Amino acid sequence: YYQPLVDLDTKKIVGLEALIRWIHP
């Protein structure tokens, strides 16, 4: 999953943080 990194002045997305997720069967 990816969570946006946001410029607090412009509110634009400038980057992403990758976060691992596991959906167990």
mmCIF file of all heavy atoms, coordinates in Angstrom:
data_MODEL
# 
_entry.id   MODEL 
# 
loop_
_atom_site.group_PDB 
_atom_site.id 
_atom_site.type_symbol 
_atom_site.label_atom_id 
_atom_site.label_alt_id 
_atom_site.label_comp_id 
_atom_site.label_asym_id 
_atom_site.label_entity_id 
_atom_site.label_seq_id 
_atom_site.pdbx_PDB_ins_code 
_atom_site.Cartn_x 
_atom_site.Cartn_y 
_atom_site.Cartn_z 
_atom_site.occupancy 
_atom_site.B_iso_or_equiv 
_atom_site.pdbx_formal_charge 
_atom_site.auth_seq_id 
_atom_site.auth_comp_id 
_atom_site.auth_asym_id 
_atom_site.auth_atom_id 
_atom_site.pdbx_PDB_model_num 
ATOM 1   N N   . TYR A 1 1  ? 0.874  -1.165  0.000  1.00 0.00 ? 1  TYR A N   1 
ATOM 2   C CA  . TYR A 1 1  ? 0.000  0.000   0.000  1.00 0.00 ? 1  TYR A CA  1 
ATOM 3   C C   . TYR A 1 1  ? 0.917  1.223   0.000  1.00 0.00 ? 1  TYR A C   1 
ATOM 4   O O   . TYR A 1 1  ? 2.084  1.134   0.385  1.00 0.00 ? 1  TYR A O   1 
ATOM 5   C CB  . TYR A 1 1  ? -0.896 0.019   1.233  1.00 0.00 ? 1  TYR A CB  1 
ATOM 6   C CG  . TYR A 1 1  ? -2.128 -0.855  1.134  1.00 0.00 ? 1  TYR A CG  1 
ATOM 7   C CD1 . TYR A 1 1  ? -2.087 -2.113  0.531  1.00 0.00 ? 1  TYR A CD1 1 
ATOM 8   C CD2 . TYR A 1 1  ? -3.353 -0.425  1.644  1.00 0.00 ? 1  TYR A CD2 1 
ATOM 9   C CE1 . TYR A 1 1  ? -3.207 -2.913  0.441  1.00 0.00 ? 1  TYR A CE1 1 
ATOM 10  C CE2 . TYR A 1 1  ? -4.489 -1.213  1.570  1.00 0.00 ? 1  TYR A CE2 1 
ATOM 11  C CZ  . TYR A 1 1  ? -4.409 -2.469  0.972  1.00 0.00 ? 1  TYR A CZ  1 
ATOM 12  O OH  . TYR A 1 1  ? -5.522 -3.266  0.873  1.00 0.00 ? 1  TYR A OH  1 
ATOM 13  N N   . TYR A 1 2  ? 0.383  2.351   -0.422 1.00 0.00 ? 2  TYR A N   1 
ATOM 14  C CA  . TYR A 1 2  ? 1.188  3.565   -0.518 1.00 0.00 ? 2  TYR A CA  1 
ATOM 15  C C   . TYR A 1 2  ? 0.451  4.721   0.156  1.00 0.00 ? 2  TYR A C   1 
ATOM 16  O O   . TYR A 1 2  ? -0.741 4.950   -0.099 1.00 0.00 ? 2  TYR A O   1 
ATOM 17  C CB  . TYR A 1 2  ? 1.473  3.918   -1.981 1.00 0.00 ? 2  TYR A CB  1 
ATOM 18  C CG  . TYR A 1 2  ? 2.262  2.845   -2.706 1.00 0.00 ? 2  TYR A CG  1 
ATOM 19  C CD1 . TYR A 1 2  ? 1.600  1.784   -3.331 1.00 0.00 ? 2  TYR A CD1 1 
ATOM 20  C CD2 . TYR A 1 2  ? 3.646  2.867   -2.739 1.00 0.00 ? 2  TYR A CD2 1 
ATOM 21  C CE1 . TYR A 1 2  ? 2.313  0.780   -3.981 1.00 0.00 ? 2  TYR A CE1 1 
ATOM 22  C CE2 . TYR A 1 2  ? 4.368  1.870   -3.398 1.00 0.00 ? 2  TYR A CE2 1 
ATOM 23  C CZ  . TYR A 1 2  ? 3.692  0.829   -4.006 1.00 0.00 ? 2  TYR A CZ  1 
ATOM 24  O OH  . TYR A 1 2  ? 4.399  -0.167  -4.643 1.00 0.00 ? 2  TYR A OH  1 
ATOM 25  N N   . GLN A 1 3  ? 1.184  5.429   1.040  1.00 0.00 ? 3  GLN A N   1 
ATOM 26  C CA  . GLN A 1 3  ? 0.595  6.605   1.684  1.00 0.00 ? 3  GLN A CA  1 
ATOM 27  C C   . GLN A 1 3  ? 1.280  7.858   1.155  1.00 0.00 ? 3  GLN A C   1 
ATOM 28  O O   . GLN A 1 3  ? 2.514  7.944   1.138  1.00 0.00 ? 3  GLN A O   1 
ATOM 29  C CB  . GLN A 1 3  ? 0.737  6.543   3.199  1.00 0.00 ? 3  GLN A CB  1 
ATOM 30  C CG  . GLN A 1 3  ? -0.031 7.668   3.902  1.00 0.00 ? 3  GLN A CG  1 
ATOM 31  C CD  . GLN A 1 3  ? -0.114 7.461   5.402  1.00 0.00 ? 3  GLN A CD  1 
ATOM 32  O OE1 . GLN A 1 3  ? 0.814  6.932   6.012  1.00 0.00 ? 3  GLN A OE1 1 
ATOM 33  N NE2 . GLN A 1 3  ? -1.221 7.883   6.017  1.00 0.00 ? 3  GLN A NE2 1 
ATOM 34  N N   . PRO A 1 4  ? 0.491  8.843   0.721  1.00 0.00 ? 4  PRO A N   1 
ATOM 35  C CA  . PRO A 1 4  ? 1.074  10.057  0.130  1.00 0.00 ? 4  PRO A CA  1 
ATOM 36  C C   . PRO A 1 4  ? 1.868  10.882  1.137  1.00 0.00 ? 4  PRO A C   1 
ATOM 37  O O   . PRO A 1 4  ? 1.529  10.957  2.318  1.00 0.00 ? 4  PRO A O   1 
ATOM 38  C CB  . PRO A 1 4  ? -0.150 10.840  -0.347 1.00 0.00 ? 4  PRO A CB  1 
ATOM 39  C CG  . PRO A 1 4  ? -1.227 9.812   -0.510 1.00 0.00 ? 4  PRO A CG  1 
ATOM 40  C CD  . PRO A 1 4  ? -0.973 8.814   0.579  1.00 0.00 ? 4  PRO A CD  1 
ATOM 41  N N   . LEU A 1 5  ? 2.939  11.494  0.632  1.00 0.00 ? 5  LEU A N   1 
ATOM 42  C CA  . LEU A 1 5  ? 3.692  12.515  1.351  1.00 0.00 ? 5  LEU A CA  1 
ATOM 43  C C   . LEU A 1 5  ? 3.284  13.850  0.731  1.00 0.00 ? 5  LEU A C   1 
ATOM 44  O O   . LEU A 1 5  ? 3.419  14.041  -0.490 1.00 0.00 ? 5  LEU A O   1 
ATOM 45  C CB  . LEU A 1 5  ? 5.199  12.288  1.192  1.00 0.00 ? 5  LEU A CB  1 
ATOM 46  C CG  . LEU A 1 5  ? 5.736  10.939  1.702  1.00 0.00 ? 5  LEU A CG  1 
ATOM 47  C CD1 . LEU A 1 5  ? 7.187  10.745  1.278  1.00 0.00 ? 5  LEU A CD1 1 
ATOM 48  C CD2 . LEU A 1 5  ? 5.620  10.864  3.214  1.00 0.00 ? 5  LEU A CD2 1 
ATOM 49  N N   . VAL A 1 6  ? 2.808  14.764  1.551  1.00 0.00 ? 6  VAL A N   1 
ATOM 50  C CA  . VAL A 1 6  ? 2.157  15.974  1.036  1.00 0.00 ? 6  VAL A CA  1 
ATOM 51  C C   . VAL A 1 6  ? 2.946  17.214  1.430  1.00 0.00 ? 6  VAL A C   1 
ATOM 52  O O   . VAL A 1 6  ? 3.361  17.363  2.591  1.00 0.00 ? 6  VAL A O   1 
ATOM 53  C CB  . VAL A 1 6  ? 0.716  16.077  1.582  1.00 0.00 ? 6  VAL A CB  1 
ATOM 54  C CG1 . VAL A 1 6  ? 0.053  17.367  1.119  1.00 0.00 ? 6  VAL A CG1 1 
ATOM 55  C CG2 . VAL A 1 6  ? -0.091 14.869  1.143  1.00 0.00 ? 6  VAL A CG2 1 
ATOM 56  N N   . ASP A 1 7  ? 3.147  18.118  0.455  1.00 0.00 ? 7  ASP A N   1 
ATOM 57  C CA  . ASP A 1 7  ? 3.725  19.433  0.741  1.00 0.00 ? 7  ASP A CA  1 
ATOM 58  C C   . ASP A 1 7  ? 2.684  20.224  1.532  1.00 0.00 ? 7  ASP A C   1 
ATOM 59  O O   . ASP A 1 7  ? 1.571  20.466  1.045  1.00 0.00 ? 7  ASP A O   1 
ATOM 60  C CB  . ASP A 1 7  ? 4.061  20.141  -0.568 1.00 0.00 ? 7  ASP A CB  1 
ATOM 61  C CG  . ASP A 1 7  ? 4.783  21.458  -0.350 1.00 0.00 ? 7  ASP A CG  1 
ATOM 62  O OD1 . ASP A 1 7  ? 4.270  22.298  0.421  1.00 0.00 ? 7  ASP A OD1 1 
ATOM 63  O OD2 . ASP A 1 7  ? 5.851  21.660  -0.942 1.00 0.00 ? 7  ASP A OD2 1 
ATOM 64  N N   . LEU A 1 8  ? 3.020  20.623  2.759  1.00 0.00 ? 8  LEU A N   1 
ATOM 65  C CA  . LEU A 1 8  ? 2.017  21.246  3.637  1.00 0.00 ? 8  LEU A CA  1 
ATOM 66  C C   . LEU A 1 8  ? 1.600  22.628  3.154  1.00 0.00 ? 8  LEU A C   1 
ATOM 67  O O   . LEU A 1 8  ? 0.515  23.104  3.521  1.00 0.00 ? 8  LEU A O   1 
ATOM 68  C CB  . LEU A 1 8  ? 2.557  21.340  5.071  1.00 0.00 ? 8  LEU A CB  1 
ATOM 69  C CG  . LEU A 1 8  ? 2.890  19.992  5.745  1.00 0.00 ? 8  LEU A CG  1 
ATOM 70  C CD1 . LEU A 1 8  ? 3.248  20.202  7.203  1.00 0.00 ? 8  LEU A CD1 1 
ATOM 71  C CD2 . LEU A 1 8  ? 1.719  19.017  5.633  1.00 0.00 ? 8  LEU A CD2 1 
ATOM 72  N N   . ASP A 1 9  ? 2.414  23.290  2.342  1.00 0.00 ? 9  ASP A N   1 
ATOM 73  C CA  . ASP A 1 9  ? 2.030  24.618  1.823  1.00 0.00 ? 9  ASP A CA  1 
ATOM 74  C C   . ASP A 1 9  ? 1.111  24.491  0.614  1.00 0.00 ? 9  ASP A C   1 
ATOM 75  O O   . ASP A 1 9  ? 0.084  25.162  0.526  1.00 0.00 ? 9  ASP A O   1 
ATOM 76  C CB  . ASP A 1 9  ? 3.284  25.417  1.447  1.00 0.00 ? 9  ASP A CB  1 
ATOM 77  C CG  . ASP A 1 9  ? 4.039  25.887  2.680  1.00 0.00 ? 9  ASP A CG  1 
ATOM 78  O OD1 . ASP A 1 9  ? 3.367  26.169  3.707  1.00 0.00 ? 9  ASP A OD1 1 
ATOM 79  O OD2 . ASP A 1 9  ? 5.274  25.947  2.636  1.00 0.00 ? 9  ASP A OD2 1 
ATOM 80  N N   . THR A 1 10 ? 1.476  23.616  -0.339 1.00 0.00 ? 10 THR A N   1 
ATOM 81  C CA  . THR A 1 10 ? 0.719  23.530  -1.589 1.00 0.00 ? 10 THR A CA  1 
ATOM 82  C C   . THR A 1 10 ? -0.356 22.444  -1.562 1.00 0.00 ? 10 THR A C   1 
ATOM 83  O O   . THR A 1 10 ? -1.212 22.405  -2.439 1.00 0.00 ? 10 THR A O   1 
ATOM 84  C CB  . THR A 1 10 ? 1.677  23.230  -2.754 1.00 0.00 ? 10 THR A CB  1 
ATOM 85  O OG1 . THR A 1 10 ? 2.246  21.931  -2.562 1.00 0.00 ? 10 THR A OG1 1 
ATOM 86  C CG2 . THR A 1 10 ? 2.783  24.275  -2.822 1.00 0.00 ? 10 THR A CG2 1 
ATOM 87  N N   . LYS A 1 11 ? -0.297 21.556  -0.567 1.00 0.00 ? 11 LYS A N   1 
ATOM 88  C CA  . LYS A 1 11 ? -1.195 20.397  -0.453 1.00 0.00 ? 11 LYS A CA  1 
ATOM 89  C C   . LYS A 1 11 ? -1.027 19.402  -1.613 1.00 0.00 ? 11 LYS A C   1 
ATOM 90  O O   . LYS A 1 11 ? -1.872 18.550  -1.846 1.00 0.00 ? 11 LYS A O   1 
ATOM 91  C CB  . LYS A 1 11 ? -2.672 20.853  -0.408 1.00 0.00 ? 11 LYS A CB  1 
ATOM 92  C CG  . LYS A 1 11 ? -3.022 21.778  0.745  1.00 0.00 ? 11 LYS A CG  1 
ATOM 93  C CD  . LYS A 1 11 ? -3.041 21.034  2.068  1.00 0.00 ? 11 LYS A CD  1 
ATOM 94  C CE  . LYS A 1 11 ? -3.460 21.959  3.209  1.00 0.00 ? 11 LYS A CE  1 
ATOM 95  N NZ  . LYS A 1 11 ? -4.865 22.343  3.142  1.00 0.00 ? 11 LYS A NZ  1 
ATOM 96  N N   . LYS A 1 12 ? 0.065  19.516  -2.343 1.00 0.00 ? 12 LYS A N   1 
ATOM 97  C CA  . LYS A 1 12 ? 0.311  18.592  -3.455 1.00 0.00 ? 12 LYS A CA  1 
ATOM 98  C C   . LYS A 1 12 ? 1.060  17.350  -2.961 1.00 0.00 ? 12 LYS A C   1 
ATOM 99  O O   . LYS A 1 12 ? 1.880  17.425  -2.056 1.00 0.00 ? 12 LYS A O   1 
ATOM 100 C CB  . LYS A 1 12 ? 1.141  19.269  -4.542 1.00 0.00 ? 12 LYS A CB  1 
ATOM 101 C CG  . LYS A 1 12 ? 0.385  20.346  -5.309 1.00 0.00 ? 12 LYS A CG  1 
ATOM 102 C CD  . LYS A 1 12 ? 1.254  20.928  -6.407 1.00 0.00 ? 12 LYS A CD  1 
ATOM 103 C CE  . LYS A 1 12 ? 0.492  21.983  -7.207 1.00 0.00 ? 12 LYS A CE  1 
ATOM 104 N NZ  . LYS A 1 12 ? 1.330  22.549  -8.294 1.00 0.00 ? 12 LYS A NZ  1 
ATOM 105 N N   . ILE A 1 13 ? 0.763  16.225  -3.607 1.00 0.00 ? 13 ILE A N   1 
ATOM 106 C CA  . ILE A 1 13 ? 1.475  14.979  -3.294 1.00 0.00 ? 13 ILE A CA  1 
ATOM 107 C C   . ILE A 1 13 ? 2.845  15.035  -3.960 1.00 0.00 ? 13 ILE A C   1 
ATOM 108 O O   . ILE A 1 13 ? 2.941  15.153  -5.183 1.00 0.00 ? 13 ILE A O   1 
ATOM 109 C CB  . ILE A 1 13 ? 0.695  13.750  -3.796 1.00 0.00 ? 13 ILE A CB  1 
ATOM 110 C CG1 . ILE A 1 13 ? -0.662 13.652  -3.094 1.00 0.00 ? 13 ILE A CG1 1 
ATOM 111 C CG2 . ILE A 1 13 ? 1.498  12.466  -3.562 1.00 0.00 ? 13 ILE A CG2 1 
ATOM 112 C CD1 . ILE A 1 13 ? -1.562 12.556  -3.632 1.00 0.00 ? 13 ILE A CD1 1 
ATOM 113 N N   . VAL A 1 14 ? 3.899  14.936  -3.120 1.00 0.00 ? 14 VAL A N   1 
ATOM 114 C CA  . VAL A 1 14 ? 5.252  15.032  -3.665 1.00 0.00 ? 14 VAL A CA  1 
ATOM 115 C C   . VAL A 1 14 ? 6.008  13.694  -3.578 1.00 0.00 ? 14 VAL A C   1 
ATOM 116 O O   . VAL A 1 14 ? 7.071  13.543  -4.178 1.00 0.00 ? 14 VAL A O   1 
ATOM 117 C CB  . VAL A 1 14 ? 6.065  16.119  -2.929 1.00 0.00 ? 14 VAL A CB  1 
ATOM 118 C CG1 . VAL A 1 14 ? 5.487  17.503  -3.214 1.00 0.00 ? 14 VAL A CG1 1 
ATOM 119 C CG2 . VAL A 1 14 ? 6.089  15.856  -1.423 1.00 0.00 ? 14 VAL A CG2 1 
ATOM 120 N N   . GLY A 1 15 ? 5.442  12.787  -2.841 1.00 0.00 ? 15 GLY A N   1 
ATOM 121 C CA  . GLY A 1 15 ? 6.109  11.495  -2.718 1.00 0.00 ? 15 GLY A CA  1 
ATOM 122 C C   . GLY A 1 15 ? 5.193  10.465  -2.086 1.00 0.00 ? 15 GLY A C   1 
ATOM 123 O O   . GLY A 1 15 ? 4.034  10.751  -1.739 1.00 0.00 ? 15 GLY A O   1 
ATOM 124 N N   . LEU A 1 16 ? 5.700  9.260   -1.934 1.00 0.00 ? 16 LEU A N   1 
ATOM 125 C CA  . LEU A 1 16 ? 4.904  8.161   -1.381 1.00 0.00 ? 16 LEU A CA  1 
ATOM 126 C C   . LEU A 1 16 ? 5.760  7.338   -0.417 1.00 0.00 ? 16 LEU A C   1 
ATOM 127 O O   . LEU A 1 16 ? 6.975  7.226   -0.593 1.00 0.00 ? 16 LEU A O   1 
ATOM 128 C CB  . LEU A 1 16 ? 4.410  7.240   -2.502 1.00 0.00 ? 16 LEU A CB  1 
ATOM 129 C CG  . LEU A 1 16 ? 3.603  7.883   -3.630 1.00 0.00 ? 16 LEU A CG  1 
ATOM 130 C CD1 . LEU A 1 16 ? 3.459  6.907   -4.786 1.00 0.00 ? 16 LEU A CD1 1 
ATOM 131 C CD2 . LEU A 1 16 ? 2.229  8.322   -3.118 1.00 0.00 ? 16 LEU A CD2 1 
ATOM 132 N N   . GLU A 1 17 ? 5.103  6.775   0.571  1.00 0.00 ? 17 GLU A N   1 
ATOM 133 C CA  . GLU A 1 17 ? 5.768  5.800   1.434  1.00 0.00 ? 17 GLU A CA  1 
ATOM 134 C C   . GLU A 1 17 ? 5.162  4.429   1.172  1.00 0.00 ? 17 GLU A C   1 
ATOM 135 O O   . GLU A 1 17 ? 3.933  4.264   1.208  1.00 0.00 ? 17 GLU A O   1 
ATOM 136 C CB  . GLU A 1 17 ? 5.608  6.158   2.918  1.00 0.00 ? 17 GLU A CB  1 
ATOM 137 C CG  . GLU A 1 17 ? 6.301  5.130   3.824  1.00 0.00 ? 17 GLU A CG  1 
ATOM 138 C CD  . GLU A 1 17 ? 6.186  5.437   5.310  1.00 0.00 ? 17 GLU A CD  1 
ATOM 139 O OE1 . GLU A 1 17 ? 5.531  6.434   5.668  1.00 0.00 ? 17 GLU A OE1 1 
ATOM 140 O OE2 . GLU A 1 17 ? 6.743  4.660   6.111  1.00 0.00 ? 17 GLU A OE2 1 
ATOM 141 N N   . ALA A 1 18 ? 6.019  3.460   0.881  1.00 0.00 ? 18 ALA A N   1 
ATOM 142 C CA  . ALA A 1 18 ? 5.551  2.095   0.615  1.00 0.00 ? 18 ALA A CA  1 
ATOM 143 C C   . ALA A 1 18 ? 5.386  1.356   1.938  1.00 0.00 ? 18 ALA A C   1 
ATOM 144 O O   . ALA A 1 18 ? 6.294  1.347   2.779  1.00 0.00 ? 18 ALA A O   1 
ATOM 145 C CB  . ALA A 1 18 ? 6.559  1.371   -0.279 1.00 0.00 ? 18 ALA A CB  1 
ATOM 146 N N   . LEU A 1 19 ? 4.222  0.730   2.124  1.00 0.00 ? 19 LEU A N   1 
ATOM 147 C CA  . LEU A 1 19 ? 3.916  0.014   3.365  1.00 0.00 ? 19 LEU A CA  1 
ATOM 148 C C   . LEU A 1 19 ? 3.420  -1.395  3.033  1.00 0.00 ? 19 LEU A C   1 
ATOM 149 O O   . LEU A 1 19 ? 2.480  -1.561  2.258  1.00 0.00 ? 19 LEU A O   1 
ATOM 150 C CB  . LEU A 1 19 ? 2.841  0.766   4.161  1.00 0.00 ? 19 LEU A CB  1 
ATOM 151 C CG  . LEU A 1 19 ? 3.228  2.199   4.566  1.00 0.00 ? 19 LEU A CG  1 
ATOM 152 C CD1 . LEU A 1 19 ? 2.000  2.984   5.013  1.00 0.00 ? 19 LEU A CD1 1 
ATOM 153 C CD2 . LEU A 1 19 ? 4.276  2.173   5.673  1.00 0.00 ? 19 LEU A CD2 1 
ATOM 154 N N   . ILE A 1 20 ? 4.064  -2.395  3.612  1.00 0.00 ? 20 ILE A N   1 
ATOM 155 C CA  . ILE A 1 20 ? 3.716  -3.780  3.298  1.00 0.00 ? 20 ILE A CA  1 
ATOM 156 C C   . ILE A 1 20 ? 2.404  -4.170  3.975  1.00 0.00 ? 20 ILE A C   1 
ATOM 157 O O   . ILE A 1 20 ? 2.110  -3.756  5.101  1.00 0.00 ? 20 ILE A O   1 
ATOM 158 C CB  . ILE A 1 20 ? 4.845  -4.751  3.717  1.00 0.00 ? 20 ILE A CB  1 
ATOM 159 C CG1 . ILE A 1 20 ? 4.571  -6.151  3.176  1.00 0.00 ? 20 ILE A CG1 1 
ATOM 160 C CG2 . ILE A 1 20 ? 5.036  -4.756  5.235  1.00 0.00 ? 20 ILE A CG2 1 
ATOM 161 C CD1 . ILE A 1 20 ? 5.742  -7.105  3.320  1.00 0.00 ? 20 ILE A CD1 1 
ATOM 162 N N   . ARG A 1 21 ? 1.623  -4.982  3.286  1.00 0.00 ? 21 ARG A N   1 
ATOM 163 C CA  . ARG A 1 21 ? 0.364  -5.501  3.827  1.00 0.00 ? 21 ARG A CA  1 
ATOM 164 C C   . ARG A 1 21 ? 0.299  -6.997  3.507  1.00 0.00 ? 21 ARG A C   1 
ATOM 165 O O   . ARG A 1 21 ? 0.826  -7.459  2.505  1.00 0.00 ? 21 ARG A O   1 
ATOM 166 C CB  . ARG A 1 21 ? -0.847 -4.784  3.207  1.00 0.00 ? 21 ARG A CB  1 
ATOM 167 C CG  . ARG A 1 21 ? -0.942 -3.299  3.575  1.00 0.00 ? 21 ARG A CG  1 
ATOM 168 C CD  . ARG A 1 21 ? -1.250 -3.124  5.038  1.00 0.00 ? 21 ARG A CD  1 
ATOM 169 N NE  . ARG A 1 21 ? -1.411 -1.734  5.428  1.00 0.00 ? 21 ARG A NE  1 
ATOM 170 C CZ  . ARG A 1 21 ? -0.452 -0.994  5.956  1.00 0.00 ? 21 ARG A CZ  1 
ATOM 171 N NH1 . ARG A 1 21 ? 0.775  -1.506  6.106  1.00 0.00 ? 21 ARG A NH1 1 
ATOM 172 N NH2 . ARG A 1 21 ? -0.678 0.253   6.315  1.00 0.00 ? 21 ARG A NH2 1 
ATOM 173 N N   . TRP A 1 22 ? -0.375 -7.735  4.398  1.00 0.00 ? 22 TRP A N   1 
ATOM 174 C CA  . TRP A 1 22 ? -0.505 -9.185  4.237  1.00 0.00 ? 22 TRP A CA  1 
ATOM 175 C C   . TRP A 1 22 ? -1.954 -9.581  4.448  1.00 0.00 ? 22 TRP A C   1 
ATOM 176 O O   . TRP A 1 22 ? -2.485 -9.448  5.544  1.00 0.00 ? 22 TRP A O   1 
ATOM 177 C CB  . TRP A 1 22 ? 0.397  -9.915  5.216  1.00 0.00 ? 22 TRP A CB  1 
ATOM 178 C CG  . TRP A 1 22 ? 0.395  -11.414 5.081  1.00 0.00 ? 22 TRP A CG  1 
ATOM 179 C CD1 . TRP A 1 22 ? -0.088 -12.159 4.048  1.00 0.00 ? 22 TRP A CD1 1 
ATOM 180 C CD2 . TRP A 1 22 ? 0.921  -12.347 6.032  1.00 0.00 ? 22 TRP A CD2 1 
ATOM 181 N NE1 . TRP A 1 22 ? 0.095  -13.490 4.272  1.00 0.00 ? 22 TRP A NE1 1 
ATOM 182 C CE2 . TRP A 1 22 ? 0.721  -13.643 5.494  1.00 0.00 ? 22 TRP A CE2 1 
ATOM 183 C CE3 . TRP A 1 22 ? 1.540  -12.226 7.263  1.00 0.00 ? 22 TRP A CE3 1 
ATOM 184 C CZ2 . TRP A 1 22 ? 1.099  -14.800 6.167  1.00 0.00 ? 22 TRP A CZ2 1 
ATOM 185 C CZ3 . TRP A 1 22 ? 1.936  -13.366 7.926  1.00 0.00 ? 22 TRP A CZ3 1 
ATOM 186 C CH2 . TRP A 1 22 ? 1.719  -14.653 7.386  1.00 0.00 ? 22 TRP A CH2 1 
ATOM 187 N N   . ILE A 1 23 ? -2.568 -10.035 3.393  1.00 0.00 ? 23 ILE A N   1 
ATOM 188 C CA  . ILE A 1 23 ? -3.927 -10.564 3.484  1.00 0.00 ? 23 ILE A CA  1 
ATOM 189 C C   . ILE A 1 23 ? -3.809 -12.084 3.499  1.00 0.00 ? 23 ILE A C   1 
ATOM 190 O O   . ILE A 1 23 ? -3.642 -12.729 2.470  1.00 0.00 ? 23 ILE A O   1 
ATOM 191 C CB  . ILE A 1 23 ? -4.811 -10.097 2.304  1.00 0.00 ? 23 ILE A CB  1 
ATOM 192 C CG1 . ILE A 1 23 ? -4.720 -8.587  2.131  1.00 0.00 ? 23 ILE A CG1 1 
ATOM 193 C CG2 . ILE A 1 23 ? -6.252 -10.519 2.537  1.00 0.00 ? 23 ILE A CG2 1 
ATOM 194 C CD1 . ILE A 1 23 ? -5.168 -7.797  3.338  1.00 0.00 ? 23 ILE A CD1 1 
ATOM 195 N N   . HIS A 1 24 ? -3.898 -12.657 4.692  1.00 0.00 ? 24 HIS A N   1 
ATOM 196 C CA  . HIS A 1 24 ? -3.726 -14.094 4.854  1.00 0.00 ? 24 HIS A CA  1 
ATOM 197 C C   . HIS A 1 24 ? -4.968 -14.819 4.333  1.00 0.00 ? 24 HIS A C   1 
ATOM 198 O O   . HIS A 1 24 ? -6.097 -14.398 4.604  1.00 0.00 ? 24 HIS A O   1 
ATOM 199 C CB  . HIS A 1 24 ? -3.503 -14.422 6.335  1.00 0.00 ? 24 HIS A CB  1 
ATOM 200 C CG  . HIS A 1 24 ? -3.019 -15.810 6.592  1.00 0.00 ? 24 HIS A CG  1 
ATOM 201 N ND1 . HIS A 1 24 ? -3.874 -16.897 6.596  1.00 0.00 ? 24 HIS A ND1 1 
ATOM 202 C CD2 . HIS A 1 24 ? -1.773 -16.305 6.846  1.00 0.00 ? 24 HIS A CD2 1 
ATOM 203 C CE1 . HIS A 1 24 ? -3.179 -17.993 6.854  1.00 0.00 ? 24 HIS A CE1 1 
ATOM 204 N NE2 . HIS A 1 24 ? -1.901 -17.669 7.011  1.00 0.00 ? 24 HIS A NE2 1 
ATOM 205 N N   . PRO A 1 25 ? -4.798 -15.908 3.585  1.00 0.00 ? 25 PRO A N   1 
ATOM 206 C CA  . PRO A 1 25 ? -5.962 -16.605 3.015  1.00 0.00 ? 25 PRO A CA  1 
ATOM 207 C C   . PRO A 1 25 ? -6.917 -17.162 4.076  1.00 0.00 ? 25 PRO A C   1 
ATOM 208 O O   . PRO A 1 25 ? -8.099 -17.350 3.796  1.00 0.00 ? 25 PRO A O   1 
ATOM 209 C CB  . PRO A 1 25 ? -5.325 -17.736 2.197  1.00 0.00 ? 25 PRO A CB  1 
ATOM 210 C CG  . PRO A 1 25 ? -3.941 -17.893 2.731  1.00 0.00 ? 25 PRO A CG  1 
ATOM 211 C CD  . PRO A 1 25 ? -3.525 -16.531 3.191  1.00 0.00 ? 25 PRO A CD  1 
# 
